[in-house]
Amino acid sequence: YICYVTVTEYFKGSNWKVHPDWVYCEYNSASDKYFSSPEERVLHFLARTRRPGWKWMSLRPRSPSSHHKQASKADKDSYYCK
């Protein structure tokens, strides 16, 4: 008998905190996404891990130079995790 538990089940309630010096996952274009707390950001990315095609993007891409066109939706949704 195998029981699957969604990882977000371990983060129910408010009896946990994100270490203030640690970065877990962030969007490359942080100005487009607002989270009221670091904990909300972690929960958001944990939920994203259930989406088809999820990958742990571990490297922060280089910033585009100022002469590039406006960022596409795909660029705005790009992220990295440490």
Protein backbone atom coordinates (compact mmCIF):
# COMPACT_ATOMS: atom_id res chain seq x y z
CA TYR A 1 0.00 0.00 0.00
CA ILE A 2 1.52 3.29 -1.11
CA CYS A 3 0.24 6.57 0.26
CA TYR A 4 1.08 9.74 -1.62
CA VAL A 5 1.15 12.99 0.31
CA THR A 6 1.33 16.38 -1.33
CA VAL A 7 4.39 18.17 0.03
CA THR A 8 2.33 21.26 0.83
CA GLU A 9 0.50 19.18 3.45
CA TYR A 10 3.63 19.45 5.60
CA PHE A 11 3.34 23.24 5.55
CA LYS A 12 -0.23 23.63 6.79
CA GLY A 13 -0.73 26.22 9.49
CA SER A 14 1.62 28.95 10.60
CA ASN A 15 4.03 27.08 12.87
CA TRP A 16 6.91 27.29 10.40
CA LYS A 17 9.09 30.06 8.96
CA VAL A 18 11.57 30.51 6.15
CA HIS A 19 15.12 31.20 7.32
CA PRO A 20 15.64 34.95 6.73
CA ASP A 21 19.05 34.52 5.07
CA TRP A 22 18.06 31.75 2.66
CA VAL A 23 16.68 32.02 -0.86
CA TYR A 24 14.67 29.06 -2.07
CA CYS A 25 13.05 30.01 -5.36
CA GLU A 26 12.46 33.41 -6.91
CA TYR A 27 11.22 34.79 -10.18
CA ASN A 28 13.87 36.51 -12.26
CA SER A 29 11.52 39.44 -12.74
CA ALA A 30 10.59 39.90 -9.08
CA SER A 31 8.75 43.15 -9.74
CA ASP A 32 6.03 41.21 -11.59
CA LYS A 33 5.24 38.89 -8.67
CA TYR A 34 4.34 39.96 -5.17
CA PHE A 35 4.26 37.67 -2.15
CA SER A 36 3.19 38.91 1.26
CA SER A 37 5.82 36.75 2.97
CA PRO A 38 8.75 34.44 2.19
CA GLU A 39 6.53 31.56 3.36
CA GLU A 40 3.92 32.44 0.74
CA ARG A 41 6.65 32.39 -1.93
CA VAL A 42 7.81 28.91 -0.83
CA LEU A 43 4.23 27.60 -0.92
CA HIS A 44 3.75 29.09 -4.39
CA PHE A 45 6.80 27.29 -5.77
CA LEU A 46 5.94 24.04 -4.01
CA ALA A 47 2.56 24.16 -5.75
CA ARG A 48 4.34 24.78 -9.06
CA THR A 49 6.31 21.54 -8.65
CA ARG A 50 3.09 19.66 -9.38
CA ARG A 51 2.73 21.24 -12.82
CA PRO A 52 3.73 19.22 -15.88
CA GLY A 53 7.21 20.10 -17.07
CA TRP A 54 8.45 21.52 -13.75
CA LYS A 55 12.25 21.72 -13.51
CA TRP A 56 14.48 22.89 -10.68
CA MET A 57 16.09 25.87 -12.37
CA SER A 58 19.20 26.18 -10.24
CA LEU A 59 21.07 28.94 -12.04
CA ARG A 60 20.04 32.55 -12.16
CA PRO A 61 20.19 33.64 -15.80
CA ARG A 62 22.17 36.68 -16.79
CA SER A 63 20.21 39.92 -16.80
CA PRO A 64 19.15 40.99 -20.28
CA SER A 65 20.85 44.11 -21.52
CA SER A 66 18.82 47.30 -21.62
CA HIS A 67 18.52 47.30 -25.42
CA HIS A 68 16.47 44.10 -25.53
CA LYS A 69 12.76 44.24 -26.22
CA GLN A 70 10.21 44.07 -23.42
CA ALA A 71 10.19 40.72 -21.61
CA SER A 72 7.73 38.13 -22.88
CA LYS A 73 5.36 36.25 -20.58
CA ALA A 74 7.74 33.27 -20.66
CA ASP A 75 10.59 35.53 -19.52
CA LYS A 76 8.44 37.00 -16.75
CA ASP A 77 7.58 33.48 -15.54
CA SER A 78 11.22 32.38 -15.49
CA TYR A 79 12.58 31.49 -12.08
CA TYR A 80 15.54 29.96 -10.29
CA CYS A 81 15.91 27.87 -7.14
CA LYS A 82 18.85 27.41 -4.82
